All heavy atoms as atom14 arrays in JSON, in Angstrom:
{
  "sequence": "GEFAQFVKSQRSDRLKLVSRLFDLEEYGERLVKKVNARFALSMKEY",
  "atom14_mask": [
    [1, 1, 1, 1, 0, 0, 0, 0, 0, 0, 0, 0, 0, 0],
    [1, 1, 1, 1, 1, 1, 1, 1, 1, 0, 0, 0, 0, 0],
    [1, 1, 1, 1, 1, 1, 1, 1, 1, 1, 1, 0, 0, 0],
    [1, 1, 1, 1, 1, 0, 0, 0, 0, 0, 0, 0, 0, 0],
    [1, 1, 1, 1, 1, 1, 1, 1, 1, 0, 0, 0, 0, 0],
    [1, 1, 1, 1, 1, 1, 1, 1, 1, 1, 1, 0, 0, 0],
    [1, 1, 1, 1, 1, 1, 1, 0, 0, 0, 0, 0, 0, 0],
    [1, 1, 1, 1, 1, 1, 1, 1, 1, 0, 0, 0, 0, 0],
    [1, 1, 1, 1, 1, 1, 0, 0, 0, 0, 0, 0, 0, 0],
    [1, 1, 1, 1, 1, 1, 1, 1, 1, 0, 0, 0, 0, 0],
    [1, 1, 1, 1, 1, 1, 1, 1, 1, 1, 1, 0, 0, 0],
    [1, 1, 1, 1, 1, 1, 0, 0, 0, 0, 0, 0, 0, 0],
    [1, 1, 1, 1, 1, 1, 1, 1, 0, 0, 0, 0, 0, 0],
    [1, 1, 1, 1, 1, 1, 1, 1, 1, 1, 1, 0, 0, 0],
    [1, 1, 1, 1, 1, 1, 1, 1, 0, 0, 0, 0, 0, 0],
    [1, 1, 1, 1, 1, 1, 1, 1, 1, 0, 0, 0, 0, 0],
    [1, 1, 1, 1, 1, 1, 1, 1, 0, 0, 0, 0, 0, 0],
    [1, 1, 1, 1, 1, 1, 1, 0, 0, 0, 0, 0, 0, 0],
    [1, 1, 1, 1, 1, 1, 0, 0, 0, 0, 0, 0, 0, 0],
    [1, 1, 1, 1, 1, 1, 1, 1, 1, 1, 1, 0, 0, 0],
    [1, 1, 1, 1, 1, 1, 1, 1, 0, 0, 0, 0, 0, 0],
    [1, 1, 1, 1, 1, 1, 1, 1, 1, 1, 1, 0, 0, 0],
    [1, 1, 1, 1, 1, 1, 1, 1, 0, 0, 0, 0, 0, 0],
    [1, 1, 1, 1, 1, 1, 1, 1, 0, 0, 0, 0, 0, 0],
    [1, 1, 1, 1, 1, 1, 1, 1, 1, 0, 0, 0, 0, 0],
    [1, 1, 1, 1, 1, 1, 1, 1, 1, 0, 0, 0, 0, 0],
    [1, 1, 1, 1, 1, 1, 1, 1, 1, 1, 1, 1, 0, 0],
    [1, 1, 1, 1, 0, 0, 0, 0, 0, 0, 0, 0, 0, 0],
    [1, 1, 1, 1, 1, 1, 1, 1, 1, 0, 0, 0, 0, 0],
    [1, 1, 1, 1, 1, 1, 1, 1, 1, 1, 1, 0, 0, 0],
    [1, 1, 1, 1, 1, 1, 1, 1, 0, 0, 0, 0, 0, 0],
    [1, 1, 1, 1, 1, 1, 1, 0, 0, 0, 0, 0, 0, 0],
    [1, 1, 1, 1, 1, 1, 1, 1, 1, 0, 0, 0, 0, 0],
    [1, 1, 1, 1, 1, 1, 1, 1, 1, 0, 0, 0, 0, 0],
    [1, 1, 1, 1, 1, 1, 1, 0, 0, 0, 0, 0, 0, 0],
    [1, 1, 1, 1, 1, 1, 1, 1, 0, 0, 0, 0, 0, 0],
    [1, 1, 1, 1, 1, 0, 0, 0, 0, 0, 0, 0, 0, 0],
    [1, 1, 1, 1, 1, 1, 1, 1, 1, 1, 1, 0, 0, 0],
    [1, 1, 1, 1, 1, 1, 1, 1, 1, 1, 1, 0, 0, 0],
    [1, 1, 1, 1, 1, 0, 0, 0, 0, 0, 0, 0, 0, 0],
    [1, 1, 1, 1, 1, 1, 1, 1, 0, 0, 0, 0, 0, 0],
    [1, 1, 1, 1, 1, 1, 0, 0, 0, 0, 0, 0, 0, 0],
    [1, 1, 1, 1, 1, 1, 1, 1, 0, 0, 0, 0, 0, 0],
    [1, 1, 1, 1, 1, 1, 1, 1, 1, 0, 0, 0, 0, 0],
    [1, 1, 1, 1, 1, 1, 1, 1, 1, 0, 0, 0, 0, 0],
    [1, 1, 1, 1, 1, 1, 1, 1, 1, 1, 1, 1, 0, 0]
  ],
  "atom14_positions": [
    [[106.81, 110.93, 94.28], [106.73, 109.49, 94.04], [106.65, 108.71, 95.34], [105.9, 107.74, 95.45], [0.0, 0.0, 0.0], [0.0, 0.0, 0.0], [0.0, 0.0, 0.0], [0.0, 0.0, 0.0], [0.0, 0.0, 0.0], [0.0, 0.0, 0.0], [0.0, 0.0, 0.0], [0.0, 0.0, 0.0], [0.0, 0.0, 0.0], [0.0, 0.0, 0.0]],
    [[107.41, 109.13, 96.34], [107.39, 108.46, 97.63], [106.03, 108.61, 98.29], [105.53, 107.69, 98.92], [108.48, 109.05, 98.54], [109.9, 108.92, 98.01], [110.42, 107.51, 98.18], [109.62, 106.62, 98.52], [111.61, 107.29, 97.96], [0.0, 0.0, 0.0], [0.0, 0.0, 0.0], [0.0, 0.0, 0.0], [0.0, 0.0, 0.0], [0.0, 0.0, 0.0]],
    [[105.4, 109.77, 98.13], [104.1, 109.98, 98.75], [103.03, 109.1, 98.09], [102.18, 108.52, 98.78], [103.71, 111.46, 98.63], [102.42, 111.78, 99.32], [102.34, 111.84, 100.69], [101.25, 111.98, 98.57], [101.15, 112.12, 101.33], [100.05, 112.26, 99.2], [100.0, 112.34, 100.58], [0.0, 0.0, 0.0], [0.0, 0.0, 0.0], [0.0, 0.0, 0.0]],
    [[103.06, 109.0, 96.77], [102.09, 108.14, 96.08], [102.26, 106.7, 96.52], [101.28, 105.98, 96.78], [102.28, 108.27, 94.57], [0.0, 0.0, 0.0], [0.0, 0.0, 0.0], [0.0, 0.0, 0.0], [0.0, 0.0, 0.0], [0.0, 0.0, 0.0], [0.0, 0.0, 0.0], [0.0, 0.0, 0.0], [0.0, 0.0, 0.0], [0.0, 0.0, 0.0]],
    [[103.5, 106.28, 96.6], [103.75, 104.91, 97.06], [103.25, 104.72, 98.49], [102.7, 103.69, 98.84], [105.25, 104.61, 96.97], [105.63, 103.19, 97.41], [107.12, 102.96, 97.35], [107.87, 103.84, 96.93], [107.54, 101.79, 97.78], [0.0, 0.0, 0.0], [0.0, 0.0, 0.0], [0.0, 0.0, 0.0], [0.0, 0.0, 0.0], [0.0, 0.0, 0.0]],
    [[103.43, 105.73, 99.28], [103.0, 105.66, 100.68], [101.48, 105.52, 100.78], [100.96, 104.74, 101.58], [103.47, 106.94, 101.4], [103.06, 107.0, 102.84], [103.73, 106.28, 103.8], [101.98, 107.78, 103.23], [103.35, 106.33, 105.13], [101.59, 107.84, 104.55], [102.28, 107.12, 105.51], [0.0, 0.0, 0.0], [0.0, 0.0, 0.0], [0.0, 0.0, 0.0]],
    [[100.75, 106.26, 99.97], [99.28, 106.24, 100.04], [98.72, 104.91, 99.58], [97.77, 104.37, 100.16], [98.7, 107.4, 99.19], [97.19, 107.27, 99.07], [99.08, 108.74, 99.8], [0.0, 0.0, 0.0], [0.0, 0.0, 0.0], [0.0, 0.0, 0.0], [0.0, 0.0, 0.0], [0.0, 0.0, 0.0], [0.0, 0.0, 0.0], [0.0, 0.0, 0.0]],
    [[99.3, 104.3, 98.55], [98.74, 103.1, 97.93], [99.2, 101.81, 98.6], [98.59, 100.75, 98.36], [99.13, 103.06, 96.46], [98.54, 104.21, 95.64], [99.01, 104.14, 94.21], [98.46, 105.31, 93.39], [98.93, 105.27, 92.0], [0.0, 0.0, 0.0], [0.0, 0.0, 0.0], [0.0, 0.0, 0.0], [0.0, 0.0, 0.0], [0.0, 0.0, 0.0]],
    [[100.23, 101.83, 99.39], [100.79, 100.61, 99.95], [99.97, 100.09, 101.13], [99.13, 100.81, 101.69], [102.24, 100.85, 100.4], [102.26, 101.84, 101.4], [0.0, 0.0, 0.0], [0.0, 0.0, 0.0], [0.0, 0.0, 0.0], [0.0, 0.0, 0.0], [0.0, 0.0, 0.0], [0.0, 0.0, 0.0], [0.0, 0.0, 0.0], [0.0, 0.0, 0.0]],
    [[100.22, 98.81, 101.48], [99.59, 98.2, 102.64], [100.16, 98.83, 103.92], [101.18, 99.52, 103.91], [99.86, 96.68, 102.65], [99.26, 95.97, 101.45], [97.74, 96.0, 101.46], [97.13, 95.97, 102.53], [97.14, 96.06, 100.28], [0.0, 0.0, 0.0], [0.0, 0.0, 0.0], [0.0, 0.0, 0.0], [0.0, 0.0, 0.0], [0.0, 0.0, 0.0]],
    [[99.46, 98.56, 105.04], [99.88, 99.16, 106.3], [101.31, 98.76, 106.65], [102.12, 99.61, 107.06], [98.92, 98.74, 107.43], [99.28, 99.34, 108.79], [98.27, 98.94, 109.84], [98.6, 99.53, 111.15], [99.46, 99.03, 112.0], [100.1, 97.89, 111.7], [99.71, 99.62, 113.16], [0.0, 0.0, 0.0], [0.0, 0.0, 0.0], [0.0, 0.0, 0.0]],
    [[101.63, 97.47, 106.51], [102.99, 97.0, 106.84], [104.02, 97.68, 105.94], [105.11, 98.05, 106.38], [103.07, 95.48, 106.72], [102.74, 95.07, 105.4], [0.0, 0.0, 0.0], [0.0, 0.0, 0.0], [0.0, 0.0, 0.0], [0.0, 0.0, 0.0], [0.0, 0.0, 0.0], [0.0, 0.0, 0.0], [0.0, 0.0, 0.0], [0.0, 0.0, 0.0]],
    [[103.63, 97.83, 104.64], [104.55, 98.47, 103.71], [104.7, 99.95, 104.03], [105.79, 100.53, 103.86], [104.05, 98.3, 102.27], [104.04, 96.84, 101.84], [104.87, 96.08, 102.38], [103.21, 96.46, 101.0], [0.0, 0.0, 0.0], [0.0, 0.0, 0.0], [0.0, 0.0, 0.0], [0.0, 0.0, 0.0], [0.0, 0.0, 0.0], [0.0, 0.0, 0.0]],
    [[103.62, 100.59, 104.5], [103.71, 102.01, 104.85], [104.65, 102.2, 106.03], [105.42, 103.16, 106.09], [102.32, 102.57, 105.19], [101.43, 102.75, 103.97], [100.29, 103.72, 104.27], [99.45, 103.31, 105.37], [98.38, 102.54, 105.27], [98.02, 102.08, 104.07], [97.67, 102.22, 106.32], [0.0, 0.0, 0.0], [0.0, 0.0, 0.0], [0.0, 0.0, 0.0]],
    [[104.56, 101.26, 106.99], [105.47, 101.35, 108.14], [106.92, 101.24, 107.7], [107.79, 101.98, 108.17], [105.13, 100.26, 109.16], [103.8, 100.41, 109.9], [103.54, 99.2, 110.77], [103.8, 101.68, 110.74], [0.0, 0.0, 0.0], [0.0, 0.0, 0.0], [0.0, 0.0, 0.0], [0.0, 0.0, 0.0], [0.0, 0.0, 0.0], [0.0, 0.0, 0.0]],
    [[107.18, 100.3, 106.76], [108.54, 100.15, 106.26], [108.98, 101.4, 105.5], [110.13, 101.84, 105.61], [108.62, 98.93, 105.34], [108.42, 97.6, 106.06], [108.51, 96.45, 105.07], [108.28, 95.11, 105.79], [108.33, 93.97, 104.84], [0.0, 0.0, 0.0], [0.0, 0.0, 0.0], [0.0, 0.0, 0.0], [0.0, 0.0, 0.0], [0.0, 0.0, 0.0]],
    [[108.05, 101.97, 104.72], [108.36, 103.16, 103.95], [108.68, 104.35, 104.87], [109.64, 105.09, 104.65], [107.2, 103.51, 103.01], [107.4, 104.75, 102.13], [108.62, 104.58, 101.25], [106.15, 105.0, 101.29], [0.0, 0.0, 0.0], [0.0, 0.0, 0.0], [0.0, 0.0, 0.0], [0.0, 0.0, 0.0], [0.0, 0.0, 0.0], [0.0, 0.0, 0.0]],
    [[107.87, 104.51, 105.91], [108.12, 105.59, 106.86], [109.48, 105.4, 107.53], [110.26, 106.34, 107.71], [107.01, 105.66, 107.92], [107.4, 106.58, 109.06], [105.71, 106.14, 107.28], [0.0, 0.0, 0.0], [0.0, 0.0, 0.0], [0.0, 0.0, 0.0], [0.0, 0.0, 0.0], [0.0, 0.0, 0.0], [0.0, 0.0, 0.0], [0.0, 0.0, 0.0]],
    [[109.78, 104.13, 107.86], [111.08, 103.86, 108.47], [112.21, 104.2, 107.52], [113.24, 104.75, 107.93], [111.17, 102.37, 108.86], [110.2, 102.06, 109.83], [0.0, 0.0, 0.0], [0.0, 0.0, 0.0], [0.0, 0.0, 0.0], [0.0, 0.0, 0.0], [0.0, 0.0, 0.0], [0.0, 0.0, 0.0], [0.0, 0.0, 0.0], [0.0, 0.0, 0.0]],
    [[112.01, 103.89, 106.22], [113.06, 104.18, 105.25], [113.19, 105.68, 105.01], [114.3, 106.22, 104.93], [112.76, 103.45, 103.94], [113.82, 103.66, 102.87], [113.59, 102.71, 101.71], [112.26, 102.9, 101.14], [111.96, 103.84, 100.26], [112.88, 104.68, 99.86], [110.74, 103.94, 99.77], [0.0, 0.0, 0.0], [0.0, 0.0, 0.0], [0.0, 0.0, 0.0]],
    [[112.05, 106.36, 104.88], [112.07, 107.8, 104.61], [112.73, 108.58, 105.74], [113.47, 109.54, 105.52], [110.64, 108.33, 104.38], [109.99, 107.96, 103.05], [108.56, 108.45, 103.02], [110.77, 108.57, 101.88], [0.0, 0.0, 0.0], [0.0, 0.0, 0.0], [0.0, 0.0, 0.0], [0.0, 0.0, 0.0], [0.0, 0.0, 0.0], [0.0, 0.0, 0.0]],
    [[112.45, 108.16, 106.96], [112.97, 108.9, 108.12], [114.17, 108.22, 108.78], [114.53, 108.52, 109.91], [111.85, 109.08, 109.16], [110.75, 109.98, 108.69], [109.61, 109.47, 108.1], [110.88, 111.36, 108.83], [108.6, 110.31, 107.66], [109.86, 112.19, 108.4], [108.72, 111.67, 107.8], [0.0, 0.0, 0.0], [0.0, 0.0, 0.0], [0.0, 0.0, 0.0]],
    [[114.77, 107.26, 108.03], [115.97, 106.57, 108.54], [115.73, 105.96, 109.91], [116.55, 106.07, 110.83], [117.15, 107.54, 108.61], [117.66, 107.9, 107.23], [117.42, 107.11, 106.3], [118.27, 108.97, 107.09], [0.0, 0.0, 0.0], [0.0, 0.0, 0.0], [0.0, 0.0, 0.0], [0.0, 0.0, 0.0], [0.0, 0.0, 0.0], [0.0, 0.0, 0.0]],
    [[114.57, 105.29, 110.04], [114.24, 104.68, 111.32], [114.61, 103.21, 111.39], [114.47, 102.57, 112.43], [112.73, 104.82, 111.61], [112.2, 106.24, 111.73], [110.7, 106.23, 111.95], [112.88, 106.98, 112.86], [0.0, 0.0, 0.0], [0.0, 0.0, 0.0], [0.0, 0.0, 0.0], [0.0, 0.0, 0.0], [0.0, 0.0, 0.0], [0.0, 0.0, 0.0]],
    [[115.07, 102.66, 110.22], [115.37, 101.23, 110.21], [116.49, 100.89, 111.19], [116.42, 99.92, 111.94], [115.77, 100.81, 108.79], [114.63, 100.96, 107.78], [115.09, 100.73, 106.36], [116.25, 101.08, 106.07], [114.31, 100.23, 105.57], [0.0, 0.0, 0.0], [0.0, 0.0, 0.0], [0.0, 0.0, 0.0], [0.0, 0.0, 0.0], [0.0, 0.0, 0.0]],
    [[117.53, 101.73, 111.18], [118.65, 101.47, 112.08], [118.21, 101.54, 113.53], [118.59, 100.71, 114.36], [119.75, 102.49, 111.82], [120.98, 102.28, 112.7], [122.06, 103.3, 112.42], [121.85, 104.15, 111.54], [123.1, 103.24, 113.09], [0.0, 0.0, 0.0], [0.0, 0.0, 0.0], [0.0, 0.0, 0.0], [0.0, 0.0, 0.0], [0.0, 0.0, 0.0]],
    [[117.37, 102.55, 113.83], [116.88, 102.7, 115.2], [115.98, 101.53, 115.57], [115.96, 101.07, 116.72], [116.14, 104.03, 115.36], [117.02, 105.21, 115.1], [116.94, 105.89, 113.88], [117.94, 105.64, 116.04], [117.77, 106.99, 113.62], [118.76, 106.74, 115.79], [118.67, 107.4, 114.58], [119.47, 108.48, 114.33], [0.0, 0.0, 0.0], [0.0, 0.0, 0.0]],
    [[115.18, 101.04, 114.57], [114.32, 99.88, 114.83], [115.14, 98.66, 115.2], [114.83, 97.94, 116.14], [0.0, 0.0, 0.0], [0.0, 0.0, 0.0], [0.0, 0.0, 0.0], [0.0, 0.0, 0.0], [0.0, 0.0, 0.0], [0.0, 0.0, 0.0], [0.0, 0.0, 0.0], [0.0, 0.0, 0.0], [0.0, 0.0, 0.0], [0.0, 0.0, 0.0]],
    [[116.21, 98.41, 114.44], [117.07, 97.27, 114.73], [117.72, 97.42, 116.1], [117.82, 96.47, 116.87], [118.14, 97.15, 113.64], [117.57, 96.75, 112.27], [118.65, 96.72, 111.21], [119.81, 97.01, 111.56], [118.33, 96.41, 110.05], [0.0, 0.0, 0.0], [0.0, 0.0, 0.0], [0.0, 0.0, 0.0], [0.0, 0.0, 0.0], [0.0, 0.0, 0.0]],
    [[118.17, 98.64, 116.39], [118.77, 98.86, 117.7], [117.75, 98.62, 118.81], [118.07, 98.04, 119.84], [119.29, 100.3, 117.79], [120.54, 100.57, 116.97], [120.98, 102.01, 117.17], [122.15, 102.33, 116.38], [122.7, 103.54, 116.33], [122.18, 104.52, 117.03], [123.77, 103.76, 115.59], [0.0, 0.0, 0.0], [0.0, 0.0, 0.0], [0.0, 0.0, 0.0]],
    [[116.52, 99.1, 118.56], [115.48, 98.93, 119.57], [115.18, 97.45, 119.78], [115.02, 97.0, 120.91], [114.22, 99.69, 119.15], [113.05, 99.62, 120.13], [113.45, 100.22, 121.47], [111.84, 100.37, 119.57], [0.0, 0.0, 0.0], [0.0, 0.0, 0.0], [0.0, 0.0, 0.0], [0.0, 0.0, 0.0], [0.0, 0.0, 0.0], [0.0, 0.0, 0.0]],
    [[115.08, 96.69, 118.66], [114.8, 95.25, 118.78], [115.92, 94.55, 119.55], [115.68, 93.74, 120.45], [114.64, 94.62, 117.38], [114.59, 93.1, 117.48], [113.36, 95.13, 116.73], [0.0, 0.0, 0.0], [0.0, 0.0, 0.0], [0.0, 0.0, 0.0], [0.0, 0.0, 0.0], [0.0, 0.0, 0.0], [0.0, 0.0, 0.0], [0.0, 0.0, 0.0]],
    [[117.18, 94.91, 119.21], [118.3, 94.29, 119.91], [118.28, 94.66, 121.38], [118.53, 93.83, 122.26], [119.61, 94.74, 119.27], [119.86, 94.16, 117.89], [121.18, 94.65, 117.32], [121.44, 94.07, 115.93], [122.72, 94.55, 115.37], [0.0, 0.0, 0.0], [0.0, 0.0, 0.0], [0.0, 0.0, 0.0], [0.0, 0.0, 0.0], [0.0, 0.0, 0.0]],
    [[117.97, 95.93, 121.65], [117.94, 96.38, 123.04], [116.83, 95.68, 123.81], [117.03, 95.24, 124.95], [117.73, 97.9, 123.07], [117.82, 98.5, 124.45], [117.73, 100.01, 124.39], [117.86, 100.61, 125.79], [117.78, 102.09, 125.76], [0.0, 0.0, 0.0], [0.0, 0.0, 0.0], [0.0, 0.0, 0.0], [0.0, 0.0, 0.0], [0.0, 0.0, 0.0]],
    [[115.64, 95.55, 123.16], [114.52, 94.86, 123.82], [114.85, 93.4, 124.05], [114.58, 92.84, 125.12], [113.25, 95.03, 122.98], [112.14, 94.13, 123.53], [112.79, 96.48, 122.98], [0.0, 0.0, 0.0], [0.0, 0.0, 0.0], [0.0, 0.0, 0.0], [0.0, 0.0, 0.0], [0.0, 0.0, 0.0], [0.0, 0.0, 0.0], [0.0, 0.0, 0.0]],
    [[115.44, 92.75, 123.02], [115.8, 91.33, 123.17], [116.83, 91.14, 124.28], [116.74, 90.2, 125.07], [116.36, 90.8, 121.85], [115.26, 90.62, 120.8], [114.09, 90.5, 121.14], [115.65, 90.63, 119.54], [0.0, 0.0, 0.0], [0.0, 0.0, 0.0], [0.0, 0.0, 0.0], [0.0, 0.0, 0.0], [0.0, 0.0, 0.0], [0.0, 0.0, 0.0]],
    [[117.8, 92.05, 124.31], [118.82, 91.94, 125.37], [118.19, 92.15, 126.74], [118.5, 91.43, 127.69], [119.92, 92.98, 125.13], [0.0, 0.0, 0.0], [0.0, 0.0, 0.0], [0.0, 0.0, 0.0], [0.0, 0.0, 0.0], [0.0, 0.0, 0.0], [0.0, 0.0, 0.0], [0.0, 0.0, 0.0], [0.0, 0.0, 0.0], [0.0, 0.0, 0.0]],
    [[117.28, 93.11, 126.81], [116.6, 93.36, 128.08], [115.72, 92.17, 128.47], [115.64, 91.8, 129.64], [115.76, 94.64, 127.97], [115.03, 95.02, 129.25], [115.99, 95.22, 130.38], [115.31, 95.49, 131.64], [115.87, 95.47, 132.82], [117.17, 95.19, 132.93], [115.17, 95.74, 133.91], [0.0, 0.0, 0.0], [0.0, 0.0, 0.0], [0.0, 0.0, 0.0]],
    [[115.06, 91.58, 127.47], [114.22, 90.41, 127.73], [115.07, 89.24, 128.23], [114.69, 88.55, 129.19], [113.47, 90.02, 126.46], [112.64, 88.77, 126.61], [111.44, 88.79, 127.3], [113.07, 87.56, 126.08], [110.67, 87.64, 127.44], [112.32, 86.41, 126.22], [111.11, 86.45, 126.91], [0.0, 0.0, 0.0], [0.0, 0.0, 0.0], [0.0, 0.0, 0.0]],
    [[116.22, 89.02, 127.57], [117.1, 87.93, 128.0], [117.6, 88.17, 129.42], [117.66, 87.24, 130.24], [118.29, 87.81, 127.04], [0.0, 0.0, 0.0], [0.0, 0.0, 0.0], [0.0, 0.0, 0.0], [0.0, 0.0, 0.0], [0.0, 0.0, 0.0], [0.0, 0.0, 0.0], [0.0, 0.0, 0.0], [0.0, 0.0, 0.0], [0.0, 0.0, 0.0]],
    [[117.95, 89.4, 129.72], [118.41, 89.72, 131.07], [117.29, 89.51, 132.09], [117.5, 88.98, 133.18], [118.9, 91.17, 131.12], [119.44, 91.67, 132.47], [120.64, 90.84, 132.9], [119.81, 93.14, 132.38], [0.0, 0.0, 0.0], [0.0, 0.0, 0.0], [0.0, 0.0, 0.0], [0.0, 0.0, 0.0], [0.0, 0.0, 0.0], [0.0, 0.0, 0.0]],
    [[116.07, 89.93, 131.7], [114.93, 89.75, 132.6], [114.65, 88.26, 132.84], [114.34, 87.85, 133.96], [113.69, 90.43, 132.02], [113.9, 91.83, 131.89], [0.0, 0.0, 0.0], [0.0, 0.0, 0.0], [0.0, 0.0, 0.0], [0.0, 0.0, 0.0], [0.0, 0.0, 0.0], [0.0, 0.0, 0.0], [0.0, 0.0, 0.0], [0.0, 0.0, 0.0]],
    [[114.74, 87.45, 131.77], [114.53, 86.02, 131.93], [115.59, 85.41, 132.85], [115.29, 84.54, 133.67], [114.58, 85.34, 130.55], [113.34, 85.61, 129.7], [111.81, 85.01, 130.5], [112.15, 83.25, 130.6], [0.0, 0.0, 0.0], [0.0, 0.0, 0.0], [0.0, 0.0, 0.0], [0.0, 0.0, 0.0], [0.0, 0.0, 0.0], [0.0, 0.0, 0.0]],
    [[116.83, 85.87, 132.7], [117.9, 85.35, 133.55], [117.62, 85.72, 135.01], [117.77, 84.87, 135.92], [119.23, 85.93, 133.1], [120.42, 85.33, 133.83], [121.73, 85.86, 133.25], [122.92, 85.25, 133.98], [124.21, 85.74, 133.41], [0.0, 0.0, 0.0], [0.0, 0.0, 0.0], [0.0, 0.0, 0.0], [0.0, 0.0, 0.0], [0.0, 0.0, 0.0]],
    [[117.21, 86.96, 135.24], [116.88, 87.38, 136.6], [115.68, 86.59, 137.13], [115.65, 86.23, 138.32], [116.57, 88.88, 136.61], [117.78, 89.76, 136.31], [117.41, 91.23, 136.24], [116.19, 91.53, 136.29], [118.32, 92.07, 136.14], [0.0, 0.0, 0.0], [0.0, 0.0, 0.0], [0.0, 0.0, 0.0], [0.0, 0.0, 0.0], [0.0, 0.0, 0.0]],
    [[114.7, 86.32, 136.24], [113.54, 85.53, 136.65], [113.95, 84.13, 137.07], [113.47, 83.6, 138.09], [112.54, 85.47, 135.5], [111.42, 84.48, 135.73], [110.35, 84.78, 136.58], [111.45, 83.23, 135.12], [109.34, 83.87, 136.8], [110.44, 82.31, 135.33], [109.38, 82.63, 136.18], [108.39, 81.72, 136.4], [0.0, 0.0, 0.0], [0.0, 0.0, 0.0]]
  ]
}
């Protein structure tokens, strides 16, 4: 069922599905937070 949903969904939905299937959502949030923190630090240094 997951594979059929994966094939028929839009690209954005497929990315979300892959993140859910492989438990990447938590890592994505961590990555976004890490990037934002790094960006804020870079802006402060700038």
